[in-house]
């Protein structure tokens, strides 16, 4: 009887998304309906919790794959891509600033002063 109950639970996905309090109540209700012992009721509750966590993880994993594939199809850059570009920009800016300052100082020293017409 306990195994039959487990099999019927496997078929119901809605139980996977119940919170712990509702799972506990569902386990109590099922235990009463099926005349389970306290040990069997505890096993049932533990089973419900594990199945709920497993289902949540599976949905989360599937959702992450779906989002990743969708972003790829839409050609949306990832945070890693954006970070690489930010690092590259910072490197280019720092490389550009150093020579420009030195070049400006040298150019200013070498160029003659412009004459102002009166």
PDB file of N, CA and C in Angstrom:
ATOM      1  N   UNK A   1       0.822  -1.191   0.000  1.00  0.00           N
ATOM      2  CA  UNK A   1       0.000   0.000   0.000  1.00  0.00           C
ATOM      3  C   UNK A   1       0.870   1.261   0.000  1.00  0.00           C
ATOM      4  N   UNK A   2       1.918   1.257   0.775  1.00  0.00           N
ATOM      5  CA  UNK A   2       2.826   2.412   0.840  1.00  0.00           C
ATOM      6  C   UNK A   2       3.471   2.661  -0.519  1.00  0.00           C
ATOM      7  N   UNK A   3       3.874   1.602  -1.210  1.00  0.00           N
ATOM      8  CA  UNK A   3       4.495   1.759  -2.526  1.00  0.00           C
ATOM      9  C   UNK A   3       3.497   2.302  -3.547  1.00  0.00           C
ATOM     10  N   UNK A   4       2.244   1.850  -3.460  1.00  0.00           N
ATOM     11  CA  UNK A   4       1.201   2.359  -4.362  1.00  0.00           C
ATOM     12  C   UNK A   4       0.989   3.849  -4.138  1.00  0.00           C
ATOM     13  N   UNK A   5       1.030   4.236  -2.881  1.00  0.00           N
ATOM     14  CA  UNK A   5       0.871   5.641  -2.545  1.00  0.00           C
ATOM     15  C   UNK A   5       2.015   6.469  -3.117  1.00  0.00           C
ATOM     16  N   UNK A   6       3.229   5.957  -3.010  1.00  0.00           N
ATOM     17  CA  UNK A   6       4.393   6.658  -3.569  1.00  0.00           C
ATOM     18  C   UNK A   6       4.248   6.822  -5.081  1.00  0.00           C
ATOM     19  N   UNK A   7       3.774   5.783  -5.745  1.00  0.00           N
ATOM     20  CA  UNK A   7       3.616   5.848  -7.197  1.00  0.00           C
ATOM     21  C   UNK A   7       2.585   6.905  -7.603  1.00  0.00           C
ATOM     22  N   UNK A   8       1.505   6.980  -6.847  1.00  0.00           N
ATOM     23  CA  UNK A   8       0.478   7.985  -7.190  1.00  0.00           C
ATOM     24  C   UNK A   8       1.000   9.399  -6.946  1.00  0.00           C
ATOM     25  N   UNK A   9       1.868   9.548  -5.958  1.00  0.00           N
ATOM     26  CA  UNK A   9       2.460  10.864  -5.683  1.00  0.00           C
ATOM     27  C   UNK A   9       3.388  11.273  -6.816  1.00  0.00           C
ATOM     28  N   UNK A  10       4.116  10.298  -7.351  1.00  0.00           N
ATOM     29  CA  UNK A  10       5.022  10.595  -8.466  1.00  0.00           C
ATOM     30  C   UNK A  10       4.275  11.220  -9.642  1.00  0.00           C
ATOM     31  N   UNK A  11       3.032  10.852  -9.821  1.00  0.00           N
ATOM     32  CA  UNK A  11       2.253  11.348 -10.947  1.00  0.00           C
ATOM     33  C   UNK A  11       1.782  12.779 -10.756  1.00  0.00           C
ATOM     34  N   UNK A  12       1.685  13.219  -9.524  1.00  0.00           N
ATOM     35  CA  UNK A  12       1.164  14.574  -9.268  1.00  0.00           C
ATOM     36  C   UNK A  12       2.269  15.604  -9.157  1.00  0.00           C
ATOM     37  N   UNK A  13       2.362  16.499 -10.104  1.00  0.00           N
ATOM     38  CA  UNK A  13       3.411  17.521 -10.085  1.00  0.00           C
ATOM     39  C   UNK A  13       3.077  18.660  -9.138  1.00  0.00           C
ATOM     40  N   UNK A  14       1.792  18.875  -8.861  1.00  0.00           N
ATOM     41  CA  UNK A  14       1.448  20.002  -7.998  1.00  0.00           C
ATOM     42  C   UNK A  14       2.021  19.865  -6.600  1.00  0.00           C
ATOM     43  N   UNK A  15       2.182  18.678  -6.122  1.00  0.00           N
ATOM     44  CA  UNK A  15       2.763  18.475  -4.796  1.00  0.00           C
ATOM     45  C   UNK A  15       4.201  18.986  -4.761  1.00  0.00           C
ATOM     46  N   UNK A  16       4.859  18.933  -5.887  1.00  0.00           N
ATOM     47  CA  UNK A  16       6.264  19.356  -5.950  1.00  0.00           C
ATOM     48  C   UNK A  16       6.442  20.823  -5.587  1.00  0.00           C
ATOM     49  N   UNK A  17       5.396  21.607  -5.768  1.00  0.00           N
ATOM     50  CA  UNK A  17       5.545  23.039  -5.552  1.00  0.00           C
ATOM     51  C   UNK A  17       4.859  23.534  -4.278  1.00  0.00           C
ATOM     52  N   UNK A  18       4.500  22.622  -3.411  1.00  0.00           N
ATOM     53  CA  UNK A  18       3.931  23.013  -2.128  1.00  0.00           C
ATOM     54  C   UNK A  18       5.052  23.376  -1.167  1.00  0.00           C
ATOM     55  N   UNK A  19       4.760  24.290  -0.247  1.00  0.00           N
ATOM     56  CA  UNK A  19       5.770  24.615   0.759  1.00  0.00           C
ATOM     57  C   UNK A  19       5.784  23.523   1.831  1.00  0.00           C
ATOM     58  N   UNK A  20       6.751  23.570   2.719  1.00  0.00           N
ATOM     59  CA  UNK A  20       6.938  22.513   3.720  1.00  0.00           C
ATOM     60  C   UNK A  20       5.703  22.339   4.599  1.00  0.00           C
ATOM     61  N   UNK A  21       5.059  23.428   4.964  1.00  0.00           N
ATOM     62  CA  UNK A  21       3.867  23.348   5.822  1.00  0.00           C
ATOM     63  C   UNK A  21       2.730  22.614   5.120  1.00  0.00           C
ATOM     64  N   UNK A  22       2.520  22.951   3.860  1.00  0.00           N
ATOM     65  CA  UNK A  22       1.452  22.294   3.100  1.00  0.00           C
ATOM     66  C   UNK A  22       1.804  20.833   2.807  1.00  0.00           C
ATOM     67  N   UNK A  23       3.092  20.573   2.594  1.00  0.00           N
ATOM     68  CA  UNK A  23       3.516  19.182   2.395  1.00  0.00           C
ATOM     69  C   UNK A  23       3.266  18.356   3.654  1.00  0.00           C
ATOM     70  N   UNK A  24       3.539  18.937   4.803  1.00  0.00           N
ATOM     71  CA  UNK A  24       3.303  18.237   6.068  1.00  0.00           C
ATOM     72  C   UNK A  24       1.817  17.926   6.224  1.00  0.00           C
ATOM     73  N   UNK A  25       0.977  18.901   5.893  1.00  0.00           N
ATOM     74  CA  UNK A  25      -0.470  18.675   5.996  1.00  0.00           C
ATOM     75  C   UNK A  25      -0.920  17.618   4.987  1.00  0.00           C
ATOM     76  N   UNK A  26      -0.383  17.665   3.783  1.00  0.00           N
ATOM     77  CA  UNK A  26      -0.730  16.667   2.763  1.00  0.00           C
ATOM     78  C   UNK A  26      -0.305  15.276   3.219  1.00  0.00           C
ATOM     79  N   UNK A  27       0.868  15.178   3.825  1.00  0.00           N
ATOM     80  CA  UNK A  27       1.345  13.881   4.328  1.00  0.00           C
ATOM     81  C   UNK A  27       0.432  13.374   5.439  1.00  0.00           C
ATOM     82  N   UNK A  28       0.014  14.261   6.341  1.00  0.00           N
ATOM     83  CA  UNK A  28      -0.894  13.865   7.425  1.00  0.00           C
ATOM     84  C   UNK A  28      -2.222  13.368   6.865  1.00  0.00           C
ATOM     85  N   UNK A  29      -2.751  14.126   5.898  1.00  0.00           N
ATOM     86  CA  UNK A  29      -4.031  13.738   5.293  1.00  0.00           C
ATOM     87  C   UNK A  29      -3.922  12.381   4.595  1.00  0.00           C
ATOM     88  N   UNK A  30      -2.855  12.191   3.848  1.00  0.00           N
ATOM     89  CA  UNK A  30      -2.665  10.920   3.140  1.00  0.00           C
ATOM     90  C   UNK A  30      -2.443   9.777   4.124  1.00  0.00           C
ATOM     91  N   UNK A  31      -1.736  10.068   5.187  1.00  0.00           N
ATOM     92  CA  UNK A  31      -1.482   9.035   6.198  1.00  0.00           C
ATOM     93  C   UNK A  31      -2.795   8.596   6.840  1.00  0.00           C
ATOM     94  N   UNK A  32      -3.673   9.557   7.145  1.00  0.00           N
ATOM     95  CA  UNK A  32      -4.975   9.211   7.739  1.00  0.00           C
ATOM     96  C   UNK A  32      -5.818   8.424   6.765  1.00  0.00           C
ATOM     97  N   UNK A  33      -5.890   8.900   5.514  1.00  0.00           N
ATOM     98  CA  UNK A  33      -6.704   8.242   4.498  1.00  0.00           C
ATOM     99  C   UNK A  33      -6.249   6.807   4.247  1.00  0.00           C
ATOM    100  N   UNK A  34      -4.941   6.596   4.292  1.00  0.00           N
ATOM    101  CA  UNK A  34      -4.394   5.273   3.977  1.00  0.00           C
ATOM    102  C   UNK A  34      -4.012   4.480   5.222  1.00  0.00           C
ATOM    103  N   UNK A  35      -4.362   5.004   6.385  1.00  0.00           N
ATOM    104  CA  UNK A  35      -4.121   4.333   7.664  1.00  0.00           C
ATOM    105  C   UNK A  35      -2.657   3.911   7.818  1.00  0.00           C
ATOM    106  N   UNK A  36      -1.779   4.875   7.632  1.00  0.00           N
ATOM    107  CA  UNK A  36      -0.349   4.598   7.749  1.00  0.00           C
ATOM    108  C   UNK A  36       0.087   4.738   9.201  1.00  0.00           C
ATOM    109  N   UNK A  37       1.138   4.014   9.554  1.00  0.00           N
ATOM    110  CA  UNK A  37       1.721   4.155  10.888  1.00  0.00           C
ATOM    111  C   UNK A  37       2.487   5.473  10.942  1.00  0.00           C
ATOM    112  N   UNK A  38       2.913   5.854  12.147  1.00  0.00           N
ATOM    113  CA  UNK A  38       3.690   7.089  12.288  1.00  0.00           C
ATOM    114  C   UNK A  38       4.995   6.995  11.495  1.00  0.00           C
ATOM    115  N   UNK A  39       5.624   5.835  11.511  1.00  0.00           N
ATOM    116  CA  UNK A  39       6.870   5.644  10.750  1.00  0.00           C
ATOM    117  C   UNK A  39       6.614   5.803   9.255  1.00  0.00           C
ATOM    118  N   UNK A  40       5.527   5.205   8.785  1.00  0.00           N
ATOM    119  CA  UNK A  40       5.201   5.316   7.365  1.00  0.00           C
ATOM    120  C   UNK A  40       4.839   6.755   7.003  1.00  0.00           C
ATOM    121  N   UNK A  41       4.142   7.441   7.897  1.00  0.00           N
ATOM    122  CA  UNK A  41       3.786   8.836   7.653  1.00  0.00           C
ATOM    123  C   UNK A  41       5.046   9.696   7.583  1.00  0.00           C
ATOM    124  N   UNK A  42       6.002   9.423   8.456  1.00  0.00           N
ATOM    125  CA  UNK A  42       7.281  10.157   8.437  1.00  0.00           C
ATOM    126  C   UNK A  42       8.013   9.877   7.129  1.00  0.00           C
ATOM    127  N   UNK A  43       8.041   8.611   6.702  1.00  0.00           N
ATOM    128  CA  UNK A  43       8.682   8.257   5.434  1.00  0.00           C
ATOM    129  C   UNK A  43       7.987   8.962   4.270  1.00  0.00           C
ATOM    130  N   UNK A  44       6.657   9.003   4.340  1.00  0.00           N
ATOM    131  CA  UNK A  44       5.896   9.666   3.290  1.00  0.00           C
ATOM    132  C   UNK A  44       6.242  11.153   3.235  1.00  0.00           C
ATOM    133  N   UNK A  45       6.299  11.805   4.392  1.00  0.00           N
ATOM    134  CA  UNK A  45       6.655  13.224   4.455  1.00  0.00           C
ATOM    135  C   UNK A  45       8.055  13.448   3.887  1.00  0.00           C
ATOM    136  N   UNK A  46       9.006  12.623   4.299  1.00  0.00           N
ATOM    137  CA  UNK A  46      10.377  12.745   3.791  1.00  0.00           C
ATOM    138  C   UNK A  46      10.411  12.547   2.275  1.00  0.00           C
ATOM    139  N   UNK A  47       9.616  11.583   1.814  1.00  0.00           N
ATOM    140  CA  UNK A  47       9.538  11.312   0.386  1.00  0.00           C
ATOM    141  C   UNK A  47       8.952  12.515  -0.354  1.00  0.00           C
ATOM    142  N   UNK A  48       7.900  13.104   0.204  1.00  0.00           N
ATOM    143  CA  UNK A  48       7.295  14.290  -0.415  1.00  0.00           C
ATOM    144  C   UNK A  48       8.279  15.448  -0.477  1.00  0.00           C
ATOM    145  N   UNK A  49       9.007  15.656   0.597  1.00  0.00           N
ATOM    146  CA  UNK A  49      10.009  16.730   0.635  1.00  0.00           C
ATOM    147  C   UNK A  49      11.077  16.493  -0.427  1.00  0.00           C
ATOM    148  N   UNK A  50      11.598  15.271  -0.495  1.00  0.00           N
ATOM    149  CA  UNK A  50      12.667  14.989  -1.469  1.00  0.00           C
ATOM    150  C   UNK A  50      12.158  15.137  -2.900  1.00  0.00           C
ATOM    151  N   UNK A  51      10.949  14.675  -3.156  1.00  0.00           N
ATOM    152  CA  UNK A  51      10.374  14.796  -4.503  1.00  0.00           C
ATOM    153  C   UNK A  51      10.110  16.262  -4.849  1.00  0.00           C
ATOM    154  N   UNK A  52       9.674  17.020  -3.875  1.00  0.00           N
ATOM    155  CA  UNK A  52       9.427  18.439  -4.097  1.00  0.00           C
ATOM    156  C   UNK A  52      10.723  19.163  -4.441  1.00  0.00           C
ATOM    157  N   UNK A  53      11.774  18.897  -3.673  1.00  0.00           N
ATOM    158  CA  UNK A  53      13.071  19.527  -3.943  1.00  0.00           C
ATOM    159  C   UNK A  53      13.621  19.101  -5.295  1.00  0.00           C
ATOM    160  N   UNK A  54      13.463  17.819  -5.612  1.00  0.00           N
ATOM    161  CA  UNK A  54      13.937  17.301  -6.900  1.00  0.00           C
ATOM    162  C   UNK A  54      13.196  17.964  -8.060  1.00  0.00           C
ATOM    163  N   UNK A  55      11.884  18.095  -7.933  1.00  0.00           N
ATOM    164  CA  UNK A  55      11.089  18.718  -8.991  1.00  0.00           C
ATOM    165  C   UNK A  55      11.449  20.183  -9.151  1.00  0.00           C
ATOM    166  N   UNK A  56      11.636  20.881  -8.034  1.00  0.00           N
ATOM    167  CA  UNK A  56      12.018  22.297  -8.107  1.00  0.00           C
ATOM    168  C   UNK A  56      13.359  22.449  -8.806  1.00  0.00           C
ATOM    169  N   UNK A  57      14.312  21.583  -8.454  1.00  0.00           N
ATOM    170  CA  UNK A  57      15.631  21.660  -9.075  1.00  0.00           C
ATOM    171  C   UNK A  57      15.534  21.382 -10.569  1.00  0.00           C
ATOM    172  N   UNK A  58      14.747  20.380 -10.946  1.00  0.00           N
ATOM    173  CA  UNK A  58      14.584  20.062 -12.365  1.00  0.00           C
ATOM    174  C   UNK A  58      13.960  21.221 -13.132  1.00  0.00           C
ATOM    175  N   UNK A  59      12.942  21.831 -12.557  1.00  0.00           N
ATOM    176  CA  UNK A  59      12.298  22.973 -13.210  1.00  0.00           C
ATOM    177  C   UNK A  59      13.284  24.130 -13.316  1.00  0.00           C
ATOM    178  N   UNK A  60      14.028  24.370 -12.249  1.00  0.00           N
ATOM    179  CA  UNK A  60      15.012  25.456 -12.264  1.00  0.00           C
ATOM    180  C   UNK A  60      16.081  25.200 -13.325  1.00  0.00           C
ATOM    181  N   UNK A  61      16.585  23.977 -13.395  1.00  0.00           N
ATOM    182  CA  UNK A  61      17.598  23.637 -14.401  1.00  0.00           C
ATOM    183  C   UNK A  61      17.043  23.794 -15.817  1.00  0.00           C
ATOM    184  N   UNK A  62      15.823  23.299 -16.021  1.00  0.00           N
ATOM    185  CA  UNK A  62      15.201  23.418 -17.340  1.00  0.00           C
ATOM    186  C   UNK A  62      14.987  24.880 -17.717  1.00  0.00           C
ATOM    187  N   UNK A  63      14.587  25.675 -16.744  1.00  0.00           N
ATOM    188  CA  UNK A  63      14.363  27.094 -16.994  1.00  0.00           C
ATOM    189  C   UNK A  63      15.668  27.810 -17.339  1.00  0.00           C
ATOM    190  N   UNK A  64      16.741  27.470 -16.647  1.00  0.00           N
ATOM    191  CA  UNK A  64      18.041  28.079 -16.950  1.00  0.00           C
ATOM    192  C   UNK A  64      18.486  27.742 -18.366  1.00  0.00           C
ATOM    193  N   UNK A  65      18.293  26.502 -18.773  1.00  0.00           N
ATOM    194  CA  UNK A  65      18.651  26.094 -20.136  1.00  0.00           C
ATOM    195  C   UNK A  65      17.798  26.859 -21.149  1.00  0.00           C
ATOM    196  N   UNK A  66      16.518  26.967 -20.861  1.00  0.00           N
ATOM    197  CA  UNK A  66      15.608  27.683 -21.756  1.00  0.00           C
ATOM    198  C   UNK A  66      16.004  29.150 -21.894  1.00  0.00           C
ATOM    199  N   UNK A  67      16.305  29.794 -20.783  1.00  0.00           N
ATOM    200  CA  UNK A  67      16.705  31.204 -20.819  1.00  0.00           C
ATOM    201  C   UNK A  67      18.018  31.360 -21.582  1.00  0.00           C
ATOM    202  N   UNK A  68      18.970  30.480 -21.317  1.00  0.00           N
ATOM    203  CA  UNK A  68      20.268  30.544 -21.996  1.00  0.00           C
ATOM    204  C   UNK A  68      20.090  30.377 -23.509  1.00  0.00           C
ATOM    205  N   UNK A  69      19.289  29.390 -23.909  1.00  0.00           N
ATOM    206  CA  UNK A  69      19.046  29.171 -25.337  1.00  0.00           C
ATOM    207  C   UNK A  69      18.323  30.353 -25.970  1.00  0.00           C
ATOM    208  N   UNK A  70      17.373  30.911 -25.243  1.00  0.00           N
ATOM    209  CA  UNK A  70      16.623  32.057 -25.757  1.00  0.00           C
ATOM    210  C   UNK A  70      17.538  33.261 -25.926  1.00  0.00           C
ATOM    211  N   UNK A  71      18.387  33.518 -24.930  1.00  0.00           N
ATOM    212  CA  UNK A  71      19.331  34.639 -25.036  1.00  0.00           C
ATOM    213  C   UNK A  71      20.271  34.432 -26.216  1.00  0.00           C
ATOM    214  N   UNK A  72      20.684  33.187 -26.434  1.00  0.00           N
ATOM    215  CA  UNK A  72      21.588  32.898 -27.548  1.00  0.00           C
ATOM    216  C   UNK A  72      20.879  33.156 -28.877  1.00  0.00           C
ATOM    217  N   UNK A  73      19.634  32.699 -28.990  1.00  0.00           N
ATOM    218  CA  UNK A  73      18.867  32.916 -30.227  1.00  0.00           C
ATOM    219  C   UNK A  73      18.619  34.391 -30.479  1.00  0.00           C
ATOM    220  N   UNK A  74      18.440  35.145 -29.404  1.00  0.00           N
ATOM    221  CA  UNK A  74      18.182  36.581 -29.533  1.00  0.00           C
ATOM    222  C   UNK A  74      19.480  37.371 -29.650  1.00  0.00           C
ATOM    223  N   UNK A  75      20.600  36.671 -29.581  1.00  0.00           N
ATOM    224  CA  UNK A  75      21.920  37.287 -29.687  1.00  0.00           C
ATOM    225  C   UNK A  75      22.161  38.310 -28.572  1.00  0.00           C
ATOM    226  N   UNK A  76      21.734  37.966 -27.363  1.00  0.00           N
ATOM    227  CA  UNK A  76      21.939  38.823 -26.193  1.00  0.00           C
ATOM    228  C   UNK A  76      23.247  38.402 -25.522  1.00  0.00           C
ATOM    229  N   UNK A  77      24.152  39.338 -25.291  1.00  0.00           N
ATOM    230  CA  UNK A  77      25.429  38.964 -24.674  1.00  0.00           C
ATOM    231  C   UNK A  77      25.254  38.534 -23.219  1.00  0.00           C
ATOM    232  N   UNK A  78      26.098  37.622 -22.802  1.00  0.00           N
ATOM    233  CA  UNK A  78      26.067  37.160 -21.415  1.00  0.00           C
ATOM    234  C   UNK A  78      26.824  38.149 -20.542  1.00  0.00           C
ATOM    235  N   UNK A  79      26.707  38.007 -19.240  1.00  0.00           N
ATOM    236  CA  UNK A  79      27.437  38.871 -18.313  1.00  0.00           C
ATOM    237  C   UNK A  79      28.941  38.659 -18.468  1.00  0.00           C
ATOM    238  N   UNK A  80      29.348  37.448 -18.814  1.00  0.00           N
ATOM    239  CA  UNK A  80      30.769  37.163 -19.045  1.00  0.00           C
ATOM    240  C   UNK A  80      31.254  37.959 -20.252  1.00  0.00           C
ATOM    241  N   UNK A  81      30.455  37.972 -21.314  1.00  0.00           N
ATOM    242  CA  UNK A  81      30.814  38.749 -22.513  1.00  0.00           C
ATOM    243  C   UNK A  81      30.917  40.239 -22.186  1.00  0.00           C
ATOM    244  N   UNK A  82      29.961  40.733 -21.432  1.00  0.00           N
ATOM    245  CA  UNK A  82      29.958  42.156 -21.062  1.00  0.00           C
ATOM    246  C   UNK A  82      31.170  42.484 -20.202  1.00  0.00           C
ATOM    247  N   UNK A  83      31.498  41.618 -19.255  1.00  0.00           N
ATOM    248  CA  UNK A  83      32.661  41.835 -18.382  1.00  0.00           C
ATOM    249  C   UNK A  83      33.944  41.869 -19.216  1.00  0.00           C
ATOM    250  N   UNK A  84      34.057  40.954 -20.179  1.00  0.00           N
ATOM    251  CA  UNK A  84      35.238  40.946 -21.050  1.00  0.00           C
ATOM    252  C   UNK A  84      35.361  42.266 -21.815  1.00  0.00           C
ATOM    253  N   UNK A  85      34.250  42.755 -22.327  1.00  0.00           N
ATOM    254  CA  UNK A  85      34.274  44.022 -23.057  1.00  0.00           C
ATOM    255  C   UNK A  85      34.622  45.193 -22.137  1.00  0.00           C
ATOM    256  N   UNK A  86      34.073  45.186 -20.929  1.00  0.00           N
ATOM    257  CA  UNK A  86      34.399  46.252 -19.975  1.00  0.00           C
ATOM    258  C   UNK A  86      35.888  46.253 -19.645  1.00  0.00           C
ATOM    259  N   UNK A  87      36.443  45.059 -19.434  1.00  0.00           N
ATOM    260  CA  UNK A  87      37.876  44.950 -19.143  1.00  0.00           C
ATOM    261  C   UNK A  87      38.703  45.441 -20.326  1.00  0.00           C
ATOM    262  N   UNK A  88      38.275  45.071 -21.524  1.00  0.00           N
ATOM    263  CA  UNK A  88      38.991  45.488 -22.728  1.00  0.00           C
ATOM    264  C   UNK A  88      38.943  47.011 -22.895  1.00  0.00           C
ATOM    265  N   UNK A  89      37.791  47.593 -22.647  1.00  0.00           N
ATOM    266  CA  UNK A  89      37.643  49.050 -22.747  1.00  0.00           C
ATOM    267  C   UNK A  89      38.528  49.739 -21.720  1.00  0.00           C
ATOM    268  N   UNK A  90      38.509  49.247 -20.488  1.00  0.00           N
ATOM    269  CA  UNK A  90      39.339  49.848 -19.435  1.00  0.00           C
ATOM    270  C   UNK A  90      40.817  49.771 -19.801  1.00  0.00           C
ATOM    271  N   UNK A  91      41.227  48.638 -20.355  1.00  0.00           N
ATOM    272  CA  UNK A  91      42.626  48.463 -20.757  1.00  0.00           C
ATOM    273  C   UNK A  91      42.984  49.431 -21.883  1.00  0.00           C
ATOM    274  N   UNK A  92      42.109  49.555 -22.860  1.00  0.00           N
ATOM    275  CA  UNK A  92      42.360  50.476 -23.969  1.00  0.00           C
ATOM    276  C   UNK A  92      42.389  51.926 -23.494  1.00  0.00           C
ATOM    277  N   UNK A  93      41.491  52.272 -22.601  1.00  0.00           N
ATOM    278  CA  UNK A  93      41.471  53.637 -22.078  1.00  0.00           C
ATOM    279  C   UNK A  93      42.728  53.957 -21.285  1.00  0.00           C
ATOM    280  N   UNK A  94      43.167  53.012 -20.472  1.00  0.00           N
ATOM    281  CA  UNK A  94      44.379  53.269 -19.679  1.00  0.00           C
ATOM    282  C   UNK A  94      45.606  53.326 -20.582  1.00  0.00           C
ATOM    283  N   UNK A  95      45.651  52.526 -21.622  1.00  0.00           N
ATOM    284  CA  UNK A  95      46.770  52.561 -22.568  1.00  0.00           C
ATOM    285  C   UNK A  95      46.749  53.864 -23.365  1.00  0.00           C
ATOM    286  N   UNK A  96      45.577  54.372 -23.652  1.00  0.00           N
ATOM    287  CA  UNK A  96      45.440  55.600 -24.436  1.00  0.00           C
ATOM    288  C   UNK A  96      45.797  56.833 -23.600  1.00  0.00           C
ATOM    289  N   UNK A  97      45.453  56.823 -22.329  1.00  0.00           N
ATOM    290  CA  UNK A  97      45.691  57.982 -21.480  1.00  0.00           C
ATOM    291  C   UNK A  97      47.174  58.234 -21.226  1.00  0.00           C
ATOM    292  N   UNK A  98      47.920  57.215 -20.956  1.00  0.00           N
ATOM    293  CA  UNK A  98      49.339  57.391 -20.627  1.00  0.00           C
ATOM    294  C   UNK A  98      50.115  58.040 -21.773  1.00  0.00           C
ATOM    295  N   UNK A  99      50.093  57.513 -22.995  1.00  0.00           N
ATOM    296  CA  UNK A  99      50.841  58.137 -24.082  1.00  0.00           C
ATOM    297  C   UNK A  99      50.311  59.519 -24.446  1.00  0.00           C
ATOM    298  N   UNK A 100      49.021  59.754 -24.332  1.00  0.00           N
ATOM    299  CA  UNK A 100      48.461  61.043 -24.700  1.00  0.00           C
ATOM    300  C   UNK A 100      49.002  62.122 -23.786  1.00  0.00           C
ATOM    301  N   UNK A 101      49.079  61.876 -22.509  1.00  0.00           N
ATOM    302  CA  UNK A 101      49.601  62.865 -21.572  1.00  0.00           C
ATOM    303  C   UNK A 101      51.066  63.171 -21.874  1.00  0.00           C
ATOM    304  N   UNK A 102      51.847  62.154 -22.079  1.00  0.00           N
ATOM    305  CA  UNK A 102      53.269  62.350 -22.371  1.00  0.00           C
ATOM    306  C   UNK A 102      53.436  63.064 -23.704  1.00  0.00           C
ATOM    307  N   UNK A 103      52.662  62.679 -24.692  1.00  0.00           N
ATOM    308  CA  UNK A 103      52.757  63.265 -26.016  1.00  0.00           C
ATOM    309  C   UNK A 103      52.337  64.735 -25.974  1.00  0.00           C
ATOM    310  N   UNK A 104      51.336  65.036 -25.234  1.00  0.00           N
ATOM    311  CA  UNK A 104      50.863  66.412 -25.116  1.00  0.00           C
ATOM    312  C   UNK A 104      51.929  67.283 -24.472  1.00  0.00           C
ATOM    313  N   UNK A 105      52.568  66.792 -23.459  1.00  0.00           N
ATOM    314  CA  UNK A 105      53.608  67.573 -22.784  1.00  0.00           C
ATOM    315  C   UNK A 105      54.778  67.820 -23.725  1.00  0.00           C
ATOM    316  N   UNK A 106      55.210  66.816 -24.468  1.00  0.00           N
ATOM    317  CA  UNK A 106      56.325  66.969 -25.415  1.00  0.00           C
ATOM    318  C   UNK A 106      55.952  67.928 -26.528  1.00  0.00           C
ATOM    319  N   UNK A 107      54.740  67.800 -27.044  1.00  0.00           N
ATOM    320  CA  UNK A 107      54.282  68.641 -28.136  1.00  0.00           C
ATOM    321  C   UNK A 107      54.213  70.092 -27.691  1.00  0.00           C
ATOM    322  N   UNK A 108      53.745  70.323 -26.507  1.00  0.00           N
ATOM    323  CA  UNK A 108      53.629  71.686 -25.987  1.00  0.00           C
ATOM    324  C   UNK A 108      55.003  72.314 -25.820  1.00  0.00           C
ATOM    325  N   UNK A 109      55.985  71.563 -25.419  1.00  0.00           N
ATOM    326  CA  UNK A 109      57.335  72.095 -25.219  1.00  0.00           C
ATOM    327  C   UNK A 109      57.996  72.417 -26.555  1.00  0.00           C
ATOM    328  N   UNK A 110      57.741  71.623 -27.587  1.00  0.00           N
ATOM    329  CA  UNK A 110      58.385  71.806 -28.877  1.00  0.00           C
ATOM    330  C   UNK A 110      57.694  72.848 -29.748  1.00  0.00           C
ATOM    331  N   UNK A 111      56.400  73.032 -29.642  1.00  0.00           N
ATOM    332  CA  UNK A 111      55.692  73.943 -30.544  1.00  0.00           C
ATOM    333  C   UNK A 111      55.924  75.388 -30.129  1.00  0.00           C
ATOM    334  N   UNK A 112      56.160  76.251 -31.129  1.00  0.00           N
ATOM    335  CA  UNK A 112      56.384  77.666 -30.833  1.00  0.00           C
ATOM    336  C   UNK A 112      55.079  78.333 -30.422  1.00  0.00           C
ATOM    337  N   UNK A 113      55.212  79.378 -29.645  1.00  0.00           N
ATOM    338  CA  UNK A 113      54.016  80.108 -29.206  1.00  0.00           C
ATOM    339  C   UNK A 113      53.423  80.813 -30.401  1.00  0.00           C
ATOM    340  N   UNK A 114      52.121  80.831 -30.487  1.00  0.00           N
ATOM    341  CA  UNK A 114      51.478  81.504 -31.609  1.00  0.00           C
ATOM    342  C   UNK A 114      51.433  82.995 -31.324  1.00  0.00           C
ATOM    343  N   UNK A 115      51.610  83.746 -32.379  1.00  0.00           N
ATOM    344  CA  UNK A 115      51.593  85.200 -32.236  1.00  0.00           C
ATOM    345  C   UNK A 115      50.183  85.695 -32.352  1.00  0.00           C
ATOM    346  N   UNK A 116      49.876  86.641 -31.525  1.00  0.00           N
ATOM    347  CA  UNK A 116      48.554  87.238 -31.525  1.00  0.00           C
ATOM    348  C   UNK A 116      48.609  88.494 -32.373  1.00  0.00           C
ATOM    349  N   UNK A 117      47.733  88.639 -33.344  1.00  0.00           N
ATOM    350  CA  UNK A 117      47.686  89.804 -34.213  1.00  0.00           C
ATOM    351  C   UNK A 117      46.994  90.945 -33.474  1.00  0.00           C
ATOM    352  N   UNK A 118      47.588  92.144 -33.651  1.00  0.00           N
ATOM    353  CA  UNK A 118      47.008  93.323 -33.010  1.00  0.00           C
ATOM    354  C   UNK A 118      46.396  94.220 -34.005  1.00  0.00           C
TER     355      UNK A 118
END
